[in-house]
């Protein structure tokens, strides 16, 4: 059942992080139970109720092809293929007593992520973990499994499963990844419990490296929370309310953290963080409050600003539950979505996350999925990030140019100078220019690598015909539009 229709003339390639799945018990027949597929074809979150066998709690990872077609996904208990069935050899991941308790999905945010092989477009890594010690609430293994999409008539199959990358005492979840400065390889990061030590792995065409370790920042006991790299990979944040928020600089070439900034814990429960699209703003949840930090400030701690307070809204059936501020993720539409608690129906939305103060426009319970969910968000790294141009590690030559598939759509047309553009995500910053009928430039901006969509507000333009053009290092694409 499609809740919001998608204009047929507006569909085109949206990228491999386009799809989110959320919900559970979709086959029960009860109206408060279902699974939603959320995509971003229209420029905002579009929901399709999608009854399926898999249920989701807080563990969720998926990946799509370059055209936005969902390839496979997991809830931490098993891997499903594009048909919704268990992928060939996709059962039995994360062996532990804890996993066996949760066939309807693990309760571990950011404990799974998918990464394509750097040199084989048919193979993917699943990096994953579970709870191995339920008394101390810790992971003892970080695993990888390998998916080969040439198997089972193109639906894929798991060819290596539960291969141990790290055997140690690890904080649960919080597996984060970012592209290496060469634009091809990947850094993967997790944390060692009761220490200030990070494990780091490098994924290259030769495989996954042996882990390296770096001790920096505060000692962190067992926790939940979230970790994220900024969209450009220059910063990294770690947050759990009991132990505080840390922000580090990160070197994509060397994989080293530096310059830690620490903010003490809040007294109200909060577990979520997210970076703004322009990398300059960080948000942190505190239960009934949402805070913002200006990362360009000389004193980041002092820049802390309250941008929203819970508005007393309850979500769900039989009176529902309070829609507090919980986990967060930056979506392909450039907005940040915030979960509102287990067994609620809503997500909050930060509509303009690049803007400081209340101009960021927090829309409380702005996305209604019309069924229960369990604080579910996908763990998507920035798949579109390219090389660190000009750095010592921007050294890979011979990569196929992505510009041959450069696309541009503009909607609505006609408009008033306020419109959306959707475009091919490339591993570089694109330039947007708008010209009037005389060929004079009336607007210009860079389009970040993280996104396939931008909301453009040029202001009041005189009525007439205009040209919007996006330019990469090798090609360009343009489209005419009318301002009324």
Protein backbone atom coordinates (compact mmCIF):
# COMPACT_ATOMS: atom_id res chain seq x y z
CA UNK A 1 0.00 0.00 0.00
CA UNK A 2 1.65 3.23 -1.13
CA UNK A 3 0.96 6.09 1.21
CA UNK A 4 2.58 8.84 -0.84
CA UNK A 5 2.82 8.53 -4.60
CA UNK A 6 6.03 9.24 -6.53
CA UNK A 7 5.74 11.29 -9.76
CA UNK A 8 6.80 9.00 -12.60
CA UNK A 9 8.67 11.78 -14.39
CA UNK A 10 10.76 12.42 -11.29
CA UNK A 11 12.31 8.99 -10.76
CA UNK A 12 15.98 8.44 -11.43
CA UNK A 13 19.07 6.99 -9.78
CA UNK A 14 19.13 7.90 -6.11
CA UNK A 15 22.09 5.96 -4.79
CA UNK A 16 22.99 3.13 -2.52
CA UNK A 17 21.85 4.72 0.77
CA UNK A 18 18.40 5.64 -0.52
CA UNK A 19 16.32 3.09 1.42
CA UNK A 20 15.45 2.82 5.10
CA UNK A 21 13.38 0.02 6.66
CA UNK A 22 11.51 0.27 9.93
CA UNK A 23 8.83 -1.67 11.83
CA UNK A 24 7.84 -5.15 12.96
CA UNK A 25 5.09 -7.79 13.07
CA UNK A 26 3.90 -6.72 9.63
CA UNK A 27 2.27 -10.12 9.05
CA UNK A 28 0.15 -10.00 12.23
CA UNK A 29 -2.74 -8.23 10.50
CA UNK A 30 -3.00 -5.60 13.25
CA UNK A 31 -3.07 -1.99 11.96
CA UNK A 32 -0.43 -0.83 14.45
CA UNK A 33 2.02 -3.43 13.10
CA UNK A 34 3.82 -3.08 9.77
CA UNK A 35 7.16 -2.46 8.08
CA UNK A 36 7.79 0.74 6.14
CA UNK A 37 10.24 1.30 3.34
CA UNK A 38 11.29 4.95 3.42
CA UNK A 39 12.97 6.40 0.33
CA UNK A 40 13.88 9.86 -0.92
CA UNK A 41 12.83 9.90 -4.58
CA UNK A 42 10.55 12.92 -4.10
CA UNK A 43 12.99 14.98 -2.09
CA UNK A 44 11.45 14.06 1.23
CA UNK A 45 10.79 10.86 3.11
CA UNK A 46 8.32 8.80 1.06
CA UNK A 47 6.70 5.85 2.83
CA UNK A 48 5.55 2.57 1.38
CA UNK A 49 3.97 0.04 3.70
CA UNK A 50 5.84 -3.12 2.86
CA UNK A 51 4.74 -6.25 4.75
CA UNK A 52 7.69 -8.60 5.02
CA UNK A 53 9.01 -11.47 7.06
CA UNK A 54 11.91 -9.55 8.62
CA UNK A 55 11.24 -7.43 11.70
CA UNK A 56 13.43 -4.62 12.94
CA UNK A 57 14.47 -3.35 16.32
CA UNK A 58 17.46 -1.00 16.67
CA UNK A 59 19.80 -3.07 14.50
CA UNK A 60 19.41 -2.32 10.82
CA UNK A 61 21.75 -2.14 7.83
CA UNK A 62 21.00 -2.28 4.13
CA UNK A 63 22.51 -1.35 0.81
CA UNK A 64 21.01 -0.60 -2.61
CA UNK A 65 22.45 -0.55 -6.11
CA UNK A 66 23.37 2.73 -7.82
CA UNK A 67 19.80 3.02 -9.10
CA UNK A 68 18.33 2.84 -5.61
CA UNK A 69 17.10 -0.76 -5.86
CA UNK A 70 17.33 -2.49 -2.49
CA UNK A 71 19.82 -5.37 -2.72
CA UNK A 72 19.81 -6.90 0.76
CA UNK A 73 19.35 -5.99 4.40
CA UNK A 74 19.71 -7.34 7.93
CA UNK A 75 18.27 -7.01 11.43
CA UNK A 76 21.29 -8.69 13.03
CA UNK A 77 19.65 -12.13 13.16
CA UNK A 78 19.83 -12.96 9.46
CA UNK A 79 20.36 -11.39 6.03
CA UNK A 80 17.45 -11.06 3.58
CA UNK A 81 17.77 -10.69 -0.18
CA UNK A 82 15.79 -8.36 -2.45
CA UNK A 83 12.77 -10.70 -2.45
CA UNK A 84 12.52 -10.59 1.35
CA UNK A 85 13.54 -14.23 1.78
CA UNK A 86 16.57 -15.31 3.77
CA UNK A 87 19.60 -14.88 1.54
CA UNK A 88 21.39 -18.03 0.46
CA UNK A 89 23.47 -19.00 3.54
CA UNK A 90 22.27 -15.76 5.18
CA UNK A 91 21.10 -17.29 8.46
CA UNK A 92 23.16 -17.92 11.57
CA UNK A 93 25.05 -14.65 11.73
CA UNK A 94 26.35 -13.35 15.08
CA UNK A 95 26.43 -16.66 17.01
CA UNK A 96 25.66 -15.99 20.68
CA UNK A 97 23.03 -16.64 23.33
CA UNK A 98 21.95 -13.01 23.04
CA UNK A 99 21.32 -13.28 19.30
CA UNK A 100 19.17 -16.36 19.79
CA UNK A 101 16.84 -14.38 22.07
CA UNK A 102 16.02 -11.83 19.36
CA UNK A 103 14.93 -13.49 16.10
CA UNK A 104 12.87 -10.35 15.49
CA UNK A 105 16.01 -8.21 15.42
CA UNK A 106 18.83 -7.18 17.74
CA UNK A 107 18.62 -4.14 20.02
CA UNK A 108 22.06 -2.79 19.11
CA UNK A 109 22.24 0.47 17.12
CA UNK A 110 25.11 0.74 14.62
CA UNK A 111 26.20 -2.87 15.10
CA UNK A 112 26.08 -3.72 11.37
CA UNK A 113 27.11 -2.02 8.15
CA UNK A 114 27.60 -3.01 4.51
CA UNK A 115 30.58 -1.93 2.42
CA UNK A 116 31.21 -2.84 -1.21
CA UNK A 117 34.53 -4.47 -2.04
CA UNK A 118 36.91 -1.73 -3.27
CA UNK A 119 37.86 -3.78 -6.34
CA UNK A 120 34.90 -6.10 -6.99
CA UNK A 121 31.45 -4.63 -7.66
CA UNK A 122 29.80 -8.04 -7.13
CA UNK A 123 30.97 -8.54 -3.54
CA UNK A 124 30.14 -6.84 -0.27
CA UNK A 125 31.38 -6.97 3.29
CA UNK A 126 28.99 -7.06 6.23
CA UNK A 127 30.89 -5.82 9.29
CA UNK A 128 28.92 -6.90 12.36
CA UNK A 129 28.81 -7.72 16.07
CA UNK A 130 26.40 -8.78 18.81
CA UNK A 131 26.42 -9.10 22.61
CA UNK A 132 28.70 -11.98 23.58
CA UNK A 133 28.66 -11.40 27.35
CA UNK A 134 25.16 -10.57 28.64
CA UNK A 135 26.38 -10.04 32.22
CA UNK A 136 28.91 -7.35 31.39
CA UNK A 137 26.95 -6.29 28.28
CA UNK A 138 29.85 -6.32 25.87
CA UNK A 139 30.88 -7.70 22.52
CA UNK A 140 33.87 -9.99 22.34
CA UNK A 141 34.10 -10.34 18.57
CA UNK A 142 33.90 -8.06 15.57
CA UNK A 143 32.99 -10.18 12.53
CA UNK A 144 32.90 -9.87 8.79
CA UNK A 145 30.81 -11.85 6.34
CA UNK A 146 31.07 -11.70 2.55
CA UNK A 147 28.14 -11.54 0.11
CA UNK A 148 28.59 -12.53 -3.55
CA UNK A 149 25.84 -11.10 -5.77
CA UNK A 150 26.61 -13.46 -8.66
CA UNK A 151 25.06 -16.34 -6.70
CA UNK A 152 21.43 -17.49 -6.64
CA UNK A 153 20.48 -15.90 -9.97
CA UNK A 154 21.67 -12.47 -8.92
CA UNK A 155 19.97 -12.44 -5.51
CA UNK A 156 23.29 -13.10 -3.82
CA UNK A 157 24.64 -15.54 -1.27
CA UNK A 158 26.96 -15.46 1.74
CA UNK A 159 30.28 -17.12 0.94
CA UNK A 160 32.17 -16.36 4.16
CA UNK A 161 30.34 -15.94 7.45
CA UNK A 162 31.22 -14.85 10.98
CA UNK A 163 34.91 -14.44 10.28
CA UNK A 164 36.56 -12.84 13.33
CA UNK A 165 38.31 -9.52 12.72
CA UNK A 166 38.83 -8.54 16.37
CA UNK A 167 38.63 -10.73 19.46
CA UNK A 168 38.66 -8.47 22.51
CA UNK A 169 36.33 -6.65 24.91
CA UNK A 170 34.32 -4.18 22.84
CA UNK A 171 31.61 -1.66 23.50
CA UNK A 172 28.45 -2.86 21.78
CA UNK A 173 27.43 -1.37 18.43
CA UNK A 174 28.84 1.98 17.30
CA UNK A 175 30.61 0.55 14.23
CA UNK A 176 31.41 3.53 12.01
CA UNK A 177 33.15 3.78 8.66
CA UNK A 178 34.52 6.49 6.39
CA UNK A 179 36.30 6.50 3.04
CA UNK A 180 40.08 6.62 3.09
CA UNK A 181 41.60 9.77 1.65
CA UNK A 182 42.31 7.92 -1.59
CA UNK A 183 38.55 7.76 -2.23
CA UNK A 184 38.55 3.97 -2.68
CA UNK A 185 39.44 2.21 0.58
CA UNK A 186 37.55 2.33 3.89
CA UNK A 187 38.39 2.96 7.54
CA UNK A 188 36.22 1.03 10.04
CA UNK A 189 36.23 2.03 13.72
CA UNK A 190 34.96 0.52 16.97
CA UNK A 191 35.81 0.99 20.68
CA UNK A 192 37.40 -1.17 23.42
CA UNK A 193 35.32 -1.26 26.61
CA UNK A 194 36.68 0.31 29.85
CA UNK A 195 39.47 2.06 27.95
CA UNK A 196 40.06 5.13 25.82
CA UNK A 197 41.19 2.91 22.93
CA UNK A 198 39.79 2.75 19.41
CA UNK A 199 40.29 -0.18 17.05
CA UNK A 200 40.75 0.75 13.39
CA UNK A 201 40.62 -1.49 10.32
CA UNK A 202 41.44 -0.60 6.73
CA UNK A 203 39.53 -2.27 3.88
CA UNK A 204 41.50 -2.34 0.62
CA UNK A 205 41.39 -4.43 -2.59
CA UNK A 206 43.70 -6.84 -0.75
CA UNK A 207 41.14 -7.43 2.02
CA UNK A 208 40.70 -6.24 5.60
CA UNK A 209 43.85 -5.24 7.46
CA UNK A 210 44.89 -6.36 10.89
CA UNK A 211 43.45 -3.96 13.48
CA UNK A 212 45.49 -1.05 14.76
CA UNK A 213 44.82 0.73 18.06
CA UNK A 214 44.88 4.34 19.21
CA UNK A 215 44.33 5.55 22.76
CA UNK A 216 42.83 9.04 22.92
CA UNK A 217 40.03 10.80 24.80
CA UNK A 218 38.19 9.58 27.89
CA UNK A 219 37.89 6.07 29.30
CA UNK A 220 34.46 4.73 28.32
CA UNK A 221 32.72 2.00 30.34
CA UNK A 222 29.95 -0.07 28.76
CA UNK A 223 27.51 2.12 26.88
CA UNK A 224 25.06 2.33 23.98
CA UNK A 225 24.82 5.66 22.17
CA UNK A 226 26.06 6.57 18.71
CA UNK A 227 29.26 7.42 16.86
CA UNK A 228 29.49 9.21 13.52
CA UNK A 229 31.99 10.63 11.13
CA UNK A 230 31.12 14.00 9.65
CA UNK A 231 30.03 13.80 5.98
CA UNK A 232 33.47 14.93 4.79
CA UNK A 233 35.27 12.62 7.22
CA UNK A 234 37.21 15.41 8.93
CA UNK A 235 35.56 14.91 12.34
CA UNK A 236 34.29 12.07 14.50
CA UNK A 237 31.87 12.21 17.42
CA UNK A 238 31.09 9.72 20.20
CA UNK A 239 28.08 10.22 22.48
CA UNK A 240 26.33 8.50 25.34
CA UNK A 241 24.68 10.67 27.97
CA UNK A 242 26.16 8.93 31.02
CA UNK A 243 29.72 9.45 29.81
CA UNK A 244 29.46 12.63 27.75
CA UNK A 245 30.14 13.78 24.22
CA UNK A 246 33.52 13.75 22.50
CA UNK A 247 34.49 15.30 19.19
CA UNK A 248 37.77 14.48 17.44
CA UNK A 249 39.53 15.61 14.30
CA UNK A 250 40.20 12.70 11.92
CA UNK A 251 42.87 12.29 9.25
CA UNK A 252 41.47 10.22 6.38
CA UNK A 253 44.98 9.50 5.11
CA UNK A 254 46.57 8.18 8.30
CA UNK A 255 43.42 7.11 10.16
CA UNK A 256 44.52 9.05 13.25
CA UNK A 257 42.26 10.91 15.70
CA UNK A 258 43.44 14.17 17.25
CA UNK A 259 42.35 17.29 19.16
CA UNK A 260 39.64 15.75 21.38
CA UNK A 261 36.94 18.08 22.70
CA UNK A 262 35.00 16.73 25.68
CA UNK A 263 31.58 17.85 26.94
CA UNK A 264 30.46 16.40 30.30
CA UNK A 265 27.36 14.19 30.49
CA UNK A 266 23.84 15.57 30.75
CA UNK A 267 21.54 14.56 33.55
CA UNK A 268 18.71 13.56 31.16
CA UNK A 269 19.00 10.39 29.08
CA UNK A 270 20.18 10.88 25.53
CA UNK A 271 21.85 8.61 23.04
CA UNK A 272 21.83 10.26 19.61
CA UNK A 273 24.13 12.50 17.58
CA UNK A 274 24.31 13.64 13.96
CA UNK A 275 26.41 16.03 11.90
CA UNK A 276 24.90 18.62 9.59
CA UNK A 277 25.44 18.27 5.82
CA UNK A 278 28.01 21.10 5.77
CA UNK A 279 30.02 19.38 8.58
CA UNK A 280 29.89 22.52 10.76
CA UNK A 281 27.05 21.69 13.18
CA UNK A 282 26.57 18.76 15.56
CA UNK A 283 23.31 17.77 17.26
CA UNK A 284 22.94 15.73 20.46
CA UNK A 285 19.76 14.38 22.02
CA UNK A 286 19.03 14.66 25.73
CA UNK A 287 15.70 12.90 26.12
CA UNK A 288 13.24 15.77 26.37
CA UNK A 289 15.71 18.25 24.83
CA UNK A 290 17.77 18.64 21.67
CA UNK A 291 21.07 20.53 21.62
CA UNK A 292 23.23 21.98 18.89
CA UNK A 293 26.99 22.70 18.80
CA UNK A 294 28.76 25.09 16.42
CA UNK A 295 31.91 23.23 15.32
CA UNK A 296 33.36 26.40 13.79
CA UNK A 297 33.34 28.15 17.18
CA UNK A 298 36.60 28.81 19.02
CA UNK A 299 34.84 27.32 22.06
CA UNK A 300 32.67 24.43 20.92
CA UNK A 301 31.54 23.59 24.45
CA UNK A 302 30.30 27.15 25.01
CA UNK A 303 28.42 27.09 21.70
CA UNK A 304 25.92 24.57 23.10
CA UNK A 305 22.43 25.79 22.18
CA UNK A 306 19.02 24.39 23.10
CA UNK A 307 17.10 24.12 19.82
CA UNK A 308 14.05 22.09 20.87
CA UNK A 309 12.17 20.92 23.95
CA UNK A 310 9.72 18.03 23.87
CA UNK A 311 6.27 19.45 23.11
CA UNK A 312 4.35 16.90 25.24
CA UNK A 313 3.19 14.90 22.20
CA UNK A 314 2.41 11.20 22.71
CA UNK A 315 2.55 8.69 19.86
CA UNK A 316 1.06 5.22 19.48
CA UNK A 317 -2.15 3.48 20.47
CA UNK A 318 -3.86 3.44 23.90
CA UNK A 319 -2.46 6.84 24.83
CA UNK A 320 0.95 6.16 23.33
CA UNK A 321 4.40 7.10 24.62
CA UNK A 322 6.22 10.44 24.82
CA UNK A 323 8.08 11.36 21.63
CA UNK A 324 11.47 12.05 23.18
CA UNK A 325 14.63 12.81 21.19
CA UNK A 326 16.56 9.57 20.69
CA UNK A 327 18.81 8.25 17.88
CA UNK A 328 19.64 10.34 14.78
CA UNK A 329 20.76 9.96 11.18
CA UNK A 330 21.47 12.34 8.30
CA UNK A 331 19.30 11.30 5.35
CA UNK A 332 19.87 11.69 1.59
CA UNK A 333 17.43 14.64 1.54
CA UNK A 334 19.82 16.69 3.68
CA UNK A 335 17.60 16.52 6.76
CA UNK A 336 18.29 14.79 10.06
CA UNK A 337 15.73 12.27 11.30
CA UNK A 338 15.40 11.50 15.01
CA UNK A 339 13.71 8.45 16.50
CA UNK A 340 11.15 9.10 19.23
CA UNK A 341 11.29 5.93 21.32
CA UNK A 342 10.28 2.30 21.12
CA UNK A 343 6.62 1.64 20.22
CA UNK A 344 5.95 5.14 18.91
CA UNK A 345 4.79 5.96 15.37
CA UNK A 346 6.85 9.10 14.65
CA UNK A 347 10.25 10.52 13.77
CA UNK A 348 11.31 14.11 14.47
CA UNK A 349 12.95 16.06 11.62
CA UNK A 350 15.67 18.74 11.68
CA UNK A 351 14.62 20.54 8.52
CA UNK A 352 17.58 22.91 8.02
CA UNK A 353 20.44 21.32 9.98
CA UNK A 354 23.14 23.62 8.54
CA UNK A 355 21.46 26.64 10.20
CA UNK A 356 22.45 27.75 13.69
CA UNK A 357 20.00 28.18 16.53
CA UNK A 358 16.29 27.64 16.12
CA UNK A 359 16.66 28.48 12.41
CA UNK A 360 17.52 24.78 12.04
CA UNK A 361 13.72 24.29 12.29
CA UNK A 362 13.07 21.19 14.37
CA UNK A 363 9.77 19.67 13.23
CA UNK A 364 8.63 17.51 16.11
CA UNK A 365 6.87 14.24 15.18
CA UNK A 366 7.10 15.44 11.57
CA UNK A 367 7.20 11.98 9.98
CA UNK A 368 4.32 9.63 10.84
CA UNK A 369 4.88 6.04 9.68
CA UNK A 370 1.51 4.98 11.12
CA UNK A 371 2.82 1.91 12.96
CA UNK A 372 5.13 0.90 15.79
CA UNK A 373 8.87 0.83 15.40
CA UNK A 374 11.85 0.22 17.69
CA UNK A 375 14.11 3.29 17.39
CA UNK A 376 15.21 1.94 14.01
CA UNK A 377 17.71 3.72 11.76
CA UNK A 378 20.00 2.25 9.09
CA UNK A 379 23.75 2.44 9.62
CA UNK A 380 24.82 4.15 6.38
CA UNK A 381 28.33 5.55 6.01
CA UNK A 382 28.92 8.26 3.40
CA UNK A 383 29.19 6.01 0.36
CA UNK A 384 29.56 9.02 -1.96
CA UNK A 385 32.68 10.57 -0.44
CA UNK A 386 35.58 10.88 -2.86
CA UNK A 387 39.34 11.36 -2.49
CA UNK A 388 40.88 14.03 -0.31
CA UNK A 389 41.94 16.11 -3.27
CA UNK A 390 45.47 17.46 -3.03
CA UNK A 391 46.46 15.28 -0.08
CA UNK A 392 49.40 12.89 -0.05
CA UNK A 393 47.00 9.93 -0.23
CA UNK A 394 45.05 11.16 -3.28
CA UNK A 395 47.18 8.87 -5.38
CA UNK A 396 44.92 6.36 -7.13
CA UNK A 397 44.83 6.66 -10.91
CA UNK A 398 42.83 4.78 -13.48
CA UNK A 399 39.52 4.85 -11.64
CA UNK A 400 36.59 4.99 -14.09
CA UNK A 401 35.15 8.51 -14.36
CA UNK A 402 31.68 8.76 -12.84
CA UNK A 403 30.64 11.74 -14.99
CA UNK A 404 29.34 9.58 -17.84
CA UNK A 405 26.11 9.10 -15.86
CA UNK A 406 25.76 12.69 -14.59
CA UNK A 407 22.07 13.59 -14.25
CA UNK A 408 20.06 16.60 -13.08
CA UNK A 409 16.37 17.02 -12.27
CA UNK A 410 14.62 20.17 -11.02
CA UNK A 411 11.22 20.34 -9.32
CA UNK A 412 8.80 22.09 -9.32
CA UNK A 413 8.97 23.74 -12.71
CA UNK A 414 7.69 26.50 -12.92
CA UNK A 415 8.62 27.84 -9.46
CA UNK A 416 9.25 31.07 -7.57
CA UNK A 417 13.01 30.66 -7.15
CA UNK A 418 12.50 28.01 -4.47
CA UNK A 419 13.00 24.48 -5.81
CA UNK A 420 14.70 21.13 -5.35
CA UNK A 421 17.38 19.58 -7.49
CA UNK A 422 18.29 15.91 -7.55
CA UNK A 423 21.51 14.80 -9.18
CA UNK A 424 23.99 11.97 -9.52
CA UNK A 425 26.14 11.56 -6.38
CA UNK A 426 29.78 11.80 -7.40
CA UNK A 427 32.96 11.43 -5.36
CA UNK A 428 33.66 15.16 -5.59
CA UNK A 429 31.95 18.47 -4.89
CA UNK A 430 29.77 19.60 -7.78
CA UNK A 431 29.13 23.26 -8.55
CA UNK A 432 25.60 24.56 -9.08
CA UNK A 433 25.12 27.75 -11.10
CA UNK A 434 21.92 29.51 -12.10
CA UNK A 435 21.90 31.90 -15.08
CA UNK A 436 19.26 34.29 -16.34
CA UNK A 437 18.26 34.61 -20.01
CA UNK A 438 21.16 37.03 -20.60
CA UNK A 439 23.66 34.44 -19.39
CA UNK A 440 24.33 36.33 -16.17
CA UNK A 441 25.04 34.24 -13.07
CA UNK A 442 22.41 34.90 -10.37
CA UNK A 443 23.34 32.10 -7.97
CA UNK A 444 26.24 29.72 -7.33
CA UNK A 445 27.05 27.15 -4.66
CA UNK A 446 28.93 23.90 -4.10
CA UNK A 447 26.96 20.66 -3.78
CA UNK A 448 28.46 18.34 -1.15
CA UNK A 449 29.50 14.77 -1.85
CA UNK A 450 27.15 13.32 0.76
CA UNK A 451 23.96 14.13 -1.09
CA UNK A 452 21.84 13.50 -4.16
CA UNK A 453 19.35 16.27 -3.37
CA UNK A 454 19.45 19.92 -2.38
CA UNK A 455 16.72 22.41 -1.54
CA UNK A 456 17.56 25.68 -3.29
CA UNK A 457 16.20 29.06 -2.19
CA UNK A 458 17.55 31.86 -4.37
CA UNK A 459 15.08 34.40 -3.04
CA UNK A 460 12.71 36.49 -5.10
CA UNK A 461 13.74 36.27 -8.76
CA UNK A 462 12.15 38.30 -11.54
CA UNK A 463 9.77 36.25 -13.66
CA UNK A 464 11.43 34.67 -16.66
CA UNK A 465 13.41 31.75 -18.03
CA UNK A 466 16.53 30.55 -16.17
CA UNK A 467 19.14 27.84 -16.61
CA UNK A 468 20.41 25.66 -13.75
CA UNK A 469 23.69 23.86 -14.39
CA UNK A 470 25.79 21.45 -12.34
CA UNK A 471 29.46 20.99 -13.19
CA UNK A 472 31.96 18.33 -12.20
CA UNK A 473 35.66 18.26 -12.96
CA UNK A 474 34.97 16.63 -16.32
CA UNK A 475 31.42 17.40 -17.47
CA UNK A 476 28.23 19.34 -16.83
CA UNK A 477 24.46 19.01 -17.03
CA UNK A 478 21.84 21.76 -17.27
CA UNK A 479 18.09 22.23 -17.25
CA UNK A 480 15.85 25.22 -18.05
CA UNK A 481 13.17 26.35 -15.63
CA UNK A 482 10.56 29.08 -15.44
CA UNK A 483 10.10 31.55 -12.61
CA UNK A 484 6.57 32.90 -12.36
